[in-house]
Amino acid sequence: ALLMMCFYKYAENLLVQEFMEQIQVDQELIYKLSEIVENEEELGAVSMALFEEFDKNKNGTLERNELDAFFTDLCKQLEFPLPKKKYLDAMIEYADENKN
């Protein structure tokens, strides 16, 4: 859930950047993403489904390669550029509650 909220903030910030004119972002997808993030029940359901999909080794933890696959897939679906590594690292660090 925290990763989805972090990605939403990334997407929101992307919309205000100058180079946005060069990137075609589907406003309907942004709106849908914002609705999911703002609805705790839906956010939980979507987050759990995504977690289960990307936890390839089924150990109950998303390793870095699984998180990278998650963000790559999410950006592809939303037609967003993949965040730079430093932004991915910051989102992951923020969402990693037990710092492992």
PDB file of N, CA and C in Angstrom:
ATOM      1  N   ALA A   1       0.824  -1.182   0.000  1.00  0.00           N
ATOM      2  CA  ALA A   1       0.000   0.000   0.000  1.00  0.00           C
ATOM      3  C   ALA A   1       0.878   1.259   0.000  1.00  0.00           C
ATOM      4  N   LEU A   2       1.945   1.242   0.791  1.00  0.00           N
ATOM      5  CA  LEU A   2       2.831   2.403   0.827  1.00  0.00           C
ATOM      6  C   LEU A   2       3.519   2.621  -0.516  1.00  0.00           C
ATOM      7  N   LEU A   3       3.887   1.520  -1.184  1.00  0.00           N
ATOM      8  CA  LEU A   3       4.524   1.662  -2.491  1.00  0.00           C
ATOM      9  C   LEU A   3       3.571   2.283  -3.497  1.00  0.00           C
ATOM     10  N   MET A   4       2.293   1.892  -3.443  1.00  0.00           N
ATOM     11  CA  MET A   4       1.306   2.471  -4.351  1.00  0.00           C
ATOM     12  C   MET A   4       1.159   3.964  -4.070  1.00  0.00           C
ATOM     13  N   MET A   5       1.141   4.341  -2.790  1.00  0.00           N
ATOM     14  CA  MET A   5       1.031   5.760  -2.448  1.00  0.00           C
ATOM     15  C   MET A   5       2.271   6.518  -2.908  1.00  0.00           C
ATOM     16  N   CYS A   6       3.449   5.916  -2.753  1.00  0.00           N
ATOM     17  CA  CYS A   6       4.680   6.561  -3.217  1.00  0.00           C
ATOM     18  C   CYS A   6       4.650   6.729  -4.734  1.00  0.00           C
ATOM     19  N   PHE A   7       4.197   5.690  -5.437  1.00  0.00           N
ATOM     20  CA  PHE A   7       4.137   5.786  -6.890  1.00  0.00           C
ATOM     21  C   PHE A   7       3.141   6.862  -7.304  1.00  0.00           C
ATOM     22  N   TYR A   8       2.027   6.958  -6.600  1.00  0.00           N
ATOM     23  CA  TYR A   8       1.042   7.997  -6.910  1.00  0.00           C
ATOM     24  C   TYR A   8       1.680   9.378  -6.771  1.00  0.00           C
ATOM     25  N   LYS A   9       2.440   9.572  -5.712  1.00  0.00           N
ATOM     26  CA  LYS A   9       3.114  10.866  -5.519  1.00  0.00           C
ATOM     27  C   LYS A   9       4.114  11.115  -6.648  1.00  0.00           C
ATOM     28  N   TYR A  10       4.822  10.062  -7.065  1.00  0.00           N
ATOM     29  CA  TYR A  10       5.748  10.193  -8.187  1.00  0.00           C
ATOM     30  C   TYR A  10       4.976  10.621  -9.432  1.00  0.00           C
ATOM     31  N   ALA A  11       3.858   9.960  -9.708  1.00  0.00           N
ATOM     32  CA  ALA A  11       3.046  10.267 -10.884  1.00  0.00           C
ATOM     33  C   ALA A  11       2.508  11.694 -10.802  1.00  0.00           C
ATOM     34  N   GLU A  12       2.047  12.055  -9.637  1.00  0.00           N
ATOM     35  CA  GLU A  12       1.509  13.404  -9.432  1.00  0.00           C
ATOM     36  C   GLU A  12       2.584  14.457  -9.708  1.00  0.00           C
ATOM     37  N   ASN A  13       3.789  14.225  -9.212  1.00  0.00           N
ATOM     38  CA  ASN A  13       4.888  15.166  -9.439  1.00  0.00           C
ATOM     39  C   ASN A  13       5.302  15.198 -10.903  1.00  0.00           C
ATOM     40  N   LEU A  14       5.208  14.053 -11.559  1.00  0.00           N
ATOM     41  CA  LEU A  14       5.561  13.978 -12.970  1.00  0.00           C
ATOM     42  C   LEU A  14       4.659  14.875 -13.804  1.00  0.00           C
ATOM     43  N   LEU A  15       3.416  14.995 -13.388  1.00  0.00           N
ATOM     44  CA  LEU A  15       2.468  15.800 -14.143  1.00  0.00           C
ATOM     45  C   LEU A  15       2.832  17.281 -14.169  1.00  0.00           C
ATOM     46  N   VAL A  16       3.542  17.751 -13.177  1.00  0.00           N
ATOM     47  CA  VAL A  16       3.853  19.179 -13.102  1.00  0.00           C
ATOM     48  C   VAL A  16       5.224  19.531 -13.651  1.00  0.00           C
ATOM     49  N   GLN A  17       5.974  18.543 -14.062  1.00  0.00           N
ATOM     50  CA  GLN A  17       7.307  18.820 -14.579  1.00  0.00           C
ATOM     51  C   GLN A  17       7.234  19.371 -15.997  1.00  0.00           C
ATOM     52  N   GLU A  18       8.219  20.177 -16.355  1.00  0.00           N
ATOM     53  CA  GLU A  18       8.242  20.835 -17.650  1.00  0.00           C
ATOM     54  C   GLU A  18       8.208  19.865 -18.817  1.00  0.00           C
ATOM     55  N   PHE A  19       8.892  18.732 -18.703  1.00  0.00           N
ATOM     56  CA  PHE A  19       8.957  17.812 -19.827  1.00  0.00           C
ATOM     57  C   PHE A  19       7.674  17.015 -20.016  1.00  0.00           C
ATOM     58  N   MET A  20       6.671  17.306 -19.193  1.00  0.00           N
ATOM     59  CA  MET A  20       5.394  16.604 -19.297  1.00  0.00           C
ATOM     60  C   MET A  20       4.784  16.758 -20.678  1.00  0.00           C
ATOM     61  N   GLU A  21       5.051  17.873 -21.324  1.00  0.00           N
ATOM     62  CA  GLU A  21       4.509  18.100 -22.655  1.00  0.00           C
ATOM     63  C   GLU A  21       4.969  17.028 -23.635  1.00  0.00           C
ATOM     64  N   GLN A  22       6.130  16.437 -23.388  1.00  0.00           N
ATOM     65  CA  GLN A  22       6.689  15.443 -24.290  1.00  0.00           C
ATOM     66  C   GLN A  22       6.202  14.032 -23.974  1.00  0.00           C
ATOM     67  N   ILE A  23       5.590  13.848 -22.818  1.00  0.00           N
ATOM     68  CA  ILE A  23       5.145  12.520 -22.394  1.00  0.00           C
ATOM     69  C   ILE A  23       3.623  12.474 -22.450  1.00  0.00           C
ATOM     70  N   GLN A  24       3.098  11.521 -23.161  1.00  0.00           N
ATOM     71  CA  GLN A  24       1.655  11.376 -23.261  1.00  0.00           C
ATOM     72  C   GLN A  24       1.166  10.506 -22.099  1.00  0.00           C
ATOM     73  N   VAL A  25       0.525  11.103 -21.125  1.00  0.00           N
ATOM     74  CA  VAL A  25       0.021  10.387 -19.953  1.00  0.00           C
ATOM     75  C   VAL A  25      -1.492  10.365 -20.029  1.00  0.00           C
ATOM     76  N   ASP A  26      -2.045   9.199 -19.851  1.00  0.00           N
ATOM     77  CA  ASP A  26      -3.481   9.038 -19.885  1.00  0.00           C
ATOM     78  C   ASP A  26      -4.071   9.581 -18.579  1.00  0.00           C
ATOM     79  N   GLN A  27      -4.768  10.703 -18.669  1.00  0.00           N
ATOM     80  CA  GLN A  27      -5.329  11.350 -17.486  1.00  0.00           C
ATOM     81  C   GLN A  27      -6.331  10.448 -16.771  1.00  0.00           C
ATOM     82  N   GLU A  28      -7.018   9.604 -17.516  1.00  0.00           N
ATOM     83  CA  GLU A  28      -7.976   8.682 -16.908  1.00  0.00           C
ATOM     84  C   GLU A  28      -7.257   7.681 -15.996  1.00  0.00           C
ATOM     85  N   LEU A  29      -6.073   7.220 -16.407  1.00  0.00           N
ATOM     86  CA  LEU A  29      -5.306   6.302 -15.564  1.00  0.00           C
ATOM     87  C   LEU A  29      -4.826   6.985 -14.292  1.00  0.00           C
ATOM     88  N   ILE A  30      -4.407   8.251 -14.411  1.00  0.00           N
ATOM     89  CA  ILE A  30      -3.980   8.997 -13.230  1.00  0.00           C
ATOM     90  C   ILE A  30      -5.155   9.149 -12.262  1.00  0.00           C
ATOM     91  N   TYR A  31      -6.310   9.475 -12.797  1.00  0.00           N
ATOM     92  CA  TYR A  31      -7.499   9.637 -11.968  1.00  0.00           C
ATOM     93  C   TYR A  31      -7.840   8.323 -11.264  1.00  0.00           C
ATOM     94  N   LYS A  32      -7.787   7.210 -12.019  1.00  0.00           N
ATOM     95  CA  LYS A  32      -8.095   5.901 -11.422  1.00  0.00           C
ATOM     96  C   LYS A  32      -7.090   5.569 -10.322  1.00  0.00           C
ATOM     97  N   LEU A  33      -5.813   5.830 -10.583  1.00  0.00           N
ATOM     98  CA  LEU A  33      -4.788   5.578  -9.577  1.00  0.00           C
ATOM     99  C   LEU A  33      -5.043   6.414  -8.325  1.00  0.00           C
ATOM    100  N   SER A  34      -5.441   7.680  -8.509  1.00  0.00           N
ATOM    101  CA  SER A  34      -5.717   8.527  -7.349  1.00  0.00           C
ATOM    102  C   SER A  34      -6.927   8.015  -6.570  1.00  0.00           C
ATOM    103  N   GLU A  35      -7.928   7.499  -7.270  1.00  0.00           N
ATOM    104  CA  GLU A  35      -9.098   6.930  -6.584  1.00  0.00           C
ATOM    105  C   GLU A  35      -8.713   5.716  -5.757  1.00  0.00           C
ATOM    106  N   ILE A  36      -7.846   4.872  -6.291  1.00  0.00           N
ATOM    107  CA  ILE A  36      -7.400   3.681  -5.563  1.00  0.00           C
ATOM    108  C   ILE A  36      -6.640   4.097  -4.309  1.00  0.00           C
ATOM    109  N   VAL A  37      -5.725   5.036  -4.446  1.00  0.00           N
ATOM    110  CA  VAL A  37      -4.892   5.463  -3.319  1.00  0.00           C
ATOM    111  C   VAL A  37      -5.744   6.098  -2.225  1.00  0.00           C
ATOM    112  N   GLU A  38      -6.792   6.806  -2.602  1.00  0.00           N
ATOM    113  CA  GLU A  38      -7.619   7.506  -1.624  1.00  0.00           C
ATOM    114  C   GLU A  38      -8.665   6.603  -0.958  1.00  0.00           C
ATOM    115  N   ASN A  39      -8.879   5.398  -1.466  1.00  0.00           N
ATOM    116  CA  ASN A  39      -9.852   4.464  -0.910  1.00  0.00           C
ATOM    117  C   ASN A  39      -9.089   3.336  -0.218  1.00  0.00           C
ATOM    118  N   GLU A  40      -9.048   3.345   1.128  1.00  0.00           N
ATOM    119  CA  GLU A  40      -8.239   2.380   1.880  1.00  0.00           C
ATOM    120  C   GLU A  40      -8.595   0.937   1.557  1.00  0.00           C
ATOM    121  N   GLU A  41      -9.877   0.640   1.433  1.00  0.00           N
ATOM    122  CA  GLU A  41     -10.301  -0.737   1.164  1.00  0.00           C
ATOM    123  C   GLU A  41      -9.809  -1.197  -0.206  1.00  0.00           C
ATOM    124  N   GLU A  42     -10.010  -0.347  -1.210  1.00  0.00           N
ATOM    125  CA  GLU A  42      -9.567  -0.705  -2.559  1.00  0.00           C
ATOM    126  C   GLU A  42      -8.042  -0.748  -2.637  1.00  0.00           C
ATOM    127  N   LEU A  43      -7.381   0.194  -1.972  1.00  0.00           N
ATOM    128  CA  LEU A  43      -5.922   0.203  -1.948  1.00  0.00           C
ATOM    129  C   LEU A  43      -5.390  -1.094  -1.359  1.00  0.00           C
ATOM    130  N   GLY A  44      -6.003  -1.539  -0.267  1.00  0.00           N
ATOM    131  CA  GLY A  44      -5.584  -2.797   0.352  1.00  0.00           C
ATOM    132  C   GLY A  44      -5.774  -3.981  -0.572  1.00  0.00           C
ATOM    133  N   ALA A  45      -6.910  -4.040  -1.260  1.00  0.00           N
ATOM    134  CA  ALA A  45      -7.198  -5.152  -2.165  1.00  0.00           C
ATOM    135  C   ALA A  45      -6.243  -5.154  -3.354  1.00  0.00           C
ATOM    136  N   VAL A  46      -6.047  -3.981  -3.951  1.00  0.00           N
ATOM    137  CA  VAL A  46      -5.147  -3.881  -5.103  1.00  0.00           C
ATOM    138  C   VAL A  46      -3.711  -4.196  -4.673  1.00  0.00           C
ATOM    139  N   SER A  47      -3.298  -3.662  -3.546  1.00  0.00           N
ATOM    140  CA  SER A  47      -1.937  -3.894  -3.056  1.00  0.00           C
ATOM    141  C   SER A  47      -1.692  -5.367  -2.790  1.00  0.00           C
ATOM    142  N   MET A  48      -2.660  -6.045  -2.171  1.00  0.00           N
ATOM    143  CA  MET A  48      -2.499  -7.474  -1.876  1.00  0.00           C
ATOM    144  C   MET A  48      -2.414  -8.285  -3.168  1.00  0.00           C
ATOM    145  N   ALA A  49      -3.251  -7.964  -4.129  1.00  0.00           N
ATOM    146  CA  ALA A  49      -3.223  -8.679  -5.407  1.00  0.00           C
ATOM    147  C   ALA A  49      -1.874  -8.482  -6.104  1.00  0.00           C
ATOM    148  N   LEU A  50      -1.379  -7.246  -6.101  1.00  0.00           N
ATOM    149  CA  LEU A  50      -0.083  -6.975  -6.711  1.00  0.00           C
ATOM    150  C   LEU A  50       1.044  -7.661  -5.948  1.00  0.00           C
ATOM    151  N   PHE A  51       0.963  -7.634  -4.627  1.00  0.00           N
ATOM    152  CA  PHE A  51       1.978  -8.291  -3.809  1.00  0.00           C
ATOM    153  C   PHE A  51       2.044  -9.771  -4.161  1.00  0.00           C
ATOM    154  N   GLU A  52       0.891 -10.414  -4.208  1.00  0.00           N
ATOM    155  CA  GLU A  52       0.860 -11.845  -4.514  1.00  0.00           C
ATOM    156  C   GLU A  52       1.384 -12.130  -5.915  1.00  0.00           C
ATOM    157  N   GLU A  53       1.081 -11.245  -6.848  1.00  0.00           N
ATOM    158  CA  GLU A  53       1.550 -11.433  -8.219  1.00  0.00           C
ATOM    159  C   GLU A  53       3.069 -11.301  -8.324  1.00  0.00           C
ATOM    160  N   PHE A  54       3.656 -10.339  -7.616  1.00  0.00           N
ATOM    161  CA  PHE A  54       5.082 -10.067  -7.771  1.00  0.00           C
ATOM    162  C   PHE A  54       5.966 -10.770  -6.754  1.00  0.00           C
ATOM    163  N   ASP A  55       5.393 -11.396  -5.738  1.00  0.00           N
ATOM    164  CA  ASP A  55       6.179 -12.195  -4.781  1.00  0.00           C
ATOM    165  C   ASP A  55       6.416 -13.561  -5.420  1.00  0.00           C
ATOM    166  N   LYS A  56       7.308 -13.587  -6.387  1.00  0.00           N
ATOM    167  CA  LYS A  56       7.526 -14.783  -7.216  1.00  0.00           C
ATOM    168  C   LYS A  56       7.962 -15.999  -6.412  1.00  0.00           C
ATOM    169  N   ASN A  57       8.790 -15.810  -5.397  1.00  0.00           N
ATOM    170  CA  ASN A  57       9.258 -16.952  -4.605  1.00  0.00           C
ATOM    171  C   ASN A  57       8.339 -17.266  -3.424  1.00  0.00           C
ATOM    172  N   LYS A  58       7.251 -16.516  -3.301  1.00  0.00           N
ATOM    173  CA  LYS A  58       6.198 -16.751  -2.287  1.00  0.00           C
ATOM    174  C   LYS A  58       6.745 -16.827  -0.867  1.00  0.00           C
ATOM    175  N   ASN A  59       7.728 -15.956  -0.559  1.00  0.00           N
ATOM    176  CA  ASN A  59       8.277 -15.950   0.791  1.00  0.00           C
ATOM    177  C   ASN A  59       7.662 -14.873   1.682  1.00  0.00           C
ATOM    178  N   GLY A  60       6.674 -14.148   1.156  1.00  0.00           N
ATOM    179  CA  GLY A  60       6.004 -13.124   1.938  1.00  0.00           C
ATOM    180  C   GLY A  60       6.734 -11.790   1.985  1.00  0.00           C
ATOM    181  N   THR A  61       7.789 -11.663   1.194  1.00  0.00           N
ATOM    182  CA  THR A  61       8.582 -10.441   1.132  1.00  0.00           C
ATOM    183  C   THR A  61       8.886 -10.136  -0.325  1.00  0.00           C
ATOM    184  N   LEU A  62       8.861  -8.864  -0.682  1.00  0.00           N
ATOM    185  CA  LEU A  62       9.260  -8.485  -2.032  1.00  0.00           C
ATOM    186  C   LEU A  62      10.729  -8.082  -2.002  1.00  0.00           C
ATOM    187  N   GLU A  63      11.566  -8.885  -2.669  1.00  0.00           N
ATOM    188  CA  GLU A  63      12.981  -8.549  -2.788  1.00  0.00           C
ATOM    189  C   GLU A  63      13.143  -7.454  -3.840  1.00  0.00           C
ATOM    190  N   ARG A  64      14.338  -6.901  -3.914  1.00  0.00           N
ATOM    191  CA  ARG A  64      14.578  -5.775  -4.822  1.00  0.00           C
ATOM    192  C   ARG A  64      14.224  -6.127  -6.274  1.00  0.00           C
ATOM    193  N   ASN A  65      14.608  -7.329  -6.740  1.00  0.00           N
ATOM    194  CA  ASN A  65      14.293  -7.683  -8.122  1.00  0.00           C
ATOM    195  C   ASN A  65      12.787  -7.787  -8.342  1.00  0.00           C
ATOM    196  N   GLU A  66      12.038  -8.207  -7.328  1.00  0.00           N
ATOM    197  CA  GLU A  66      10.581  -8.282  -7.432  1.00  0.00           C
ATOM    198  C   GLU A  66       9.975  -6.880  -7.425  1.00  0.00           C
ATOM    199  N   LEU A  67      10.538  -5.986  -6.619  1.00  0.00           N
ATOM    200  CA  LEU A  67      10.074  -4.588  -6.601  1.00  0.00           C
ATOM    201  C   LEU A  67      10.370  -3.898  -7.928  1.00  0.00           C
ATOM    202  N   ASP A  68      11.548  -4.163  -8.482  1.00  0.00           N
ATOM    203  CA  ASP A  68      11.888  -3.587  -9.782  1.00  0.00           C
ATOM    204  C   ASP A  68      10.906  -4.064 -10.849  1.00  0.00           C
ATOM    205  N   ALA A  69      10.557  -5.348 -10.807  1.00  0.00           N
ATOM    206  CA  ALA A  69       9.584  -5.894 -11.766  1.00  0.00           C
ATOM    207  C   ALA A  69       8.215  -5.244 -11.571  1.00  0.00           C
ATOM    208  N   PHE A  70       7.830  -5.023 -10.312  1.00  0.00           N
ATOM    209  CA  PHE A  70       6.560  -4.364 -10.004  1.00  0.00           C
ATOM    210  C   PHE A  70       6.515  -2.965 -10.629  1.00  0.00           C
ATOM    211  N   PHE A  71       7.554  -2.158 -10.366  1.00  0.00           N
ATOM    212  CA  PHE A  71       7.567  -0.794 -10.882  1.00  0.00           C
ATOM    213  C   PHE A  71       7.650  -0.772 -12.410  1.00  0.00           C
ATOM    214  N   THR A  72       8.420  -1.673 -12.983  1.00  0.00           N
ATOM    215  CA  THR A  72       8.521  -1.751 -14.444  1.00  0.00           C
ATOM    216  C   THR A  72       7.156  -2.046 -15.047  1.00  0.00           C
ATOM    217  N   ASP A  73       6.446  -3.013 -14.469  1.00  0.00           N
ATOM    218  CA  ASP A  73       5.117  -3.379 -14.974  1.00  0.00           C
ATOM    219  C   ASP A  73       4.124  -2.238 -14.780  1.00  0.00           C
ATOM    220  N   LEU A  74       4.135  -1.627 -13.604  1.00  0.00           N
ATOM    221  CA  LEU A  74       3.207  -0.537 -13.315  1.00  0.00           C
ATOM    222  C   LEU A  74       3.433   0.637 -14.272  1.00  0.00           C
ATOM    223  N   CYS A  75       4.679   1.007 -14.480  1.00  0.00           N
ATOM    224  CA  CYS A  75       4.986   2.119 -15.386  1.00  0.00           C
ATOM    225  C   CYS A  75       4.584   1.778 -16.821  1.00  0.00           C
ATOM    226  N   LYS A  76       4.815   0.551 -17.210  1.00  0.00           N
ATOM    227  CA  LYS A  76       4.426   0.132 -18.561  1.00  0.00           C
ATOM    228  C   LYS A  76       2.917   0.241 -18.737  1.00  0.00           C
ATOM    229  N   GLN A  77       2.158  -0.254 -17.758  1.00  0.00           N
ATOM    230  CA  GLN A  77       0.694  -0.199 -17.838  1.00  0.00           C
ATOM    231  C   GLN A  77       0.182   1.234 -17.876  1.00  0.00           C
ATOM    232  N   LEU A  78       0.821   2.116 -17.123  1.00  0.00           N
ATOM    233  CA  LEU A  78       0.386   3.513 -17.053  1.00  0.00           C
ATOM    234  C   LEU A  78       1.050   4.393 -18.104  1.00  0.00           C
ATOM    235  N   GLU A  79       1.933   3.795 -18.897  1.00  0.00           N
ATOM    236  CA  GLU A  79       2.683   4.520 -19.922  1.00  0.00           C
ATOM    237  C   GLU A  79       3.452   5.693 -19.317  1.00  0.00           C
ATOM    238  N   PHE A  80       4.101   5.403 -18.188  1.00  0.00           N
ATOM    239  CA  PHE A  80       4.945   6.370 -17.487  1.00  0.00           C
ATOM    240  C   PHE A  80       6.393   5.962 -17.692  1.00  0.00           C
ATOM    241  N   PRO A  81       7.287   6.928 -17.682  1.00  0.00           N
ATOM    242  CA  PRO A  81       8.710   6.555 -17.680  1.00  0.00           C
ATOM    243  C   PRO A  81       9.050   5.942 -16.319  1.00  0.00           C
ATOM    244  N   LEU A  82       9.914   4.973 -16.328  1.00  0.00           N
ATOM    245  CA  LEU A  82      10.344   4.351 -15.085  1.00  0.00           C
ATOM    246  C   LEU A  82      11.114   5.382 -14.263  1.00  0.00           C
ATOM    247  N   PRO A  83      10.802   5.507 -12.970  1.00  0.00           N
ATOM    248  CA  PRO A  83      11.545   6.460 -12.138  1.00  0.00           C
ATOM    249  C   PRO A  83      13.039   6.124 -12.130  1.00  0.00           C
ATOM    250  N   LYS A  84      13.862   7.147 -12.000  1.00  0.00           N
ATOM    251  CA  LYS A  84      15.296   6.918 -11.875  1.00  0.00           C
ATOM    252  C   LYS A  84      15.550   6.101 -10.621  1.00  0.00           C
ATOM    253  N   LYS A  85      16.681   5.390 -10.610  1.00  0.00           N
ATOM    254  CA  LYS A  85      17.018   4.510  -9.500  1.00  0.00           C
ATOM    255  C   LYS A  85      16.956   5.236  -8.151  1.00  0.00           C
ATOM    256  N   LYS A  86      17.431   6.486  -8.102  1.00  0.00           N
ATOM    257  CA  LYS A  86      17.434   7.196  -6.814  1.00  0.00           C
ATOM    258  C   LYS A  86      16.010   7.421  -6.303  1.00  0.00           C
ATOM    259  N   TYR A  87      15.032   7.625  -7.212  1.00  0.00           N
ATOM    260  CA  TYR A  87      13.644   7.798  -6.782  1.00  0.00           C
ATOM    261  C   TYR A  87      13.035   6.468  -6.363  1.00  0.00           C
ATOM    262  N   LEU A  88      13.360   5.399  -7.109  1.00  0.00           N
ATOM    263  CA  LEU A  88      12.901   4.070  -6.702  1.00  0.00           C
ATOM    264  C   LEU A  88      13.456   3.724  -5.328  1.00  0.00           C
ATOM    265  N   ASP A  89      14.746   3.973  -5.134  1.00  0.00           N
ATOM    266  CA  ASP A  89      15.369   3.693  -3.837  1.00  0.00           C
ATOM    267  C   ASP A  89      14.682   4.464  -2.722  1.00  0.00           C
ATOM    268  N   ALA A  90      14.361   5.738  -2.970  1.00  0.00           N
ATOM    269  CA  ALA A  90      13.696   6.554  -1.949  1.00  0.00           C
ATOM    270  C   ALA A  90      12.301   6.026  -1.639  1.00  0.00           C
ATOM    271  N   MET A  91      11.541   5.629  -2.670  1.00  0.00           N
ATOM    272  CA  MET A  91      10.197   5.077  -2.446  1.00  0.00           C
ATOM    273  C   MET A  91      10.268   3.782  -1.649  1.00  0.00           C
ATOM    274  N   ILE A  92      11.219   2.924  -2.020  1.00  0.00           N
ATOM    275  CA  ILE A  92      11.364   1.637  -1.337  1.00  0.00           C
ATOM    276  C   ILE A  92      11.786   1.850   0.113  1.00  0.00           C
ATOM    277  N   GLU A  93      12.737   2.749   0.328  1.00  0.00           N
ATOM    278  CA  GLU A  93      13.183   3.029   1.696  1.00  0.00           C
ATOM    279  C   GLU A  93      12.030   3.571   2.541  1.00  0.00           C
ATOM    280  N   TYR A  94      11.252   4.470   1.975  1.00  0.00           N
ATOM    281  CA  TYR A  94      10.113   5.043   2.694  1.00  0.00           C
ATOM    282  C   TYR A  94       9.081   3.970   3.065  1.00  0.00           C
ATOM    283  N   ALA A  95       8.834   3.040   2.146  1.00  0.00           N
ATOM    284  CA  ALA A  95       7.793   2.028   2.367  1.00  0.00           C
ATOM    285  C   ALA A  95       8.280   0.839   3.180  1.00  0.00           C
ATOM    286  N   ASP A  96       9.582   0.679   3.353  1.00  0.00           N
ATOM    287  CA  ASP A  96      10.135  -0.462   4.065  1.00  0.00           C
ATOM    288  C   ASP A  96      10.039  -0.237   5.571  1.00  0.00           C
ATOM    289  N   GLU A  97       8.922  -0.661   6.132  1.00  0.00           N
ATOM    290  CA  GLU A  97       8.646  -0.398   7.557  1.00  0.00           C
ATOM    291  C   GLU A  97       9.614  -1.063   8.506  1.00  0.00           C
ATOM    292  N   ASN A  98      10.085  -2.280   8.164  1.00  0.00           N
ATOM    293  CA  ASN A  98      10.998  -2.974   9.089  1.00  0.00           C
ATOM    294  C   ASN A  98      12.461  -2.855   8.651  1.00  0.00           C
ATOM    295  N   LYS A  99      12.710  -2.010   7.652  1.00  0.00           N
ATOM    296  CA  LYS A  99      14.065  -1.667   7.192  1.00  0.00           C
ATOM    297  C   LYS A  99      14.918  -2.897   6.871  1.00  0.00           C
ATOM    298  N   ASN A 100      14.313  -3.865   6.200  1.00  0.00           N
ATOM    299  CA  ASN A 100      15.108  -5.037   5.789  1.00  0.00           C
ATOM    300  C   ASN A 100      15.234  -5.022   4.294  1.00  0.00           C
TER     301      ASN A 100
END
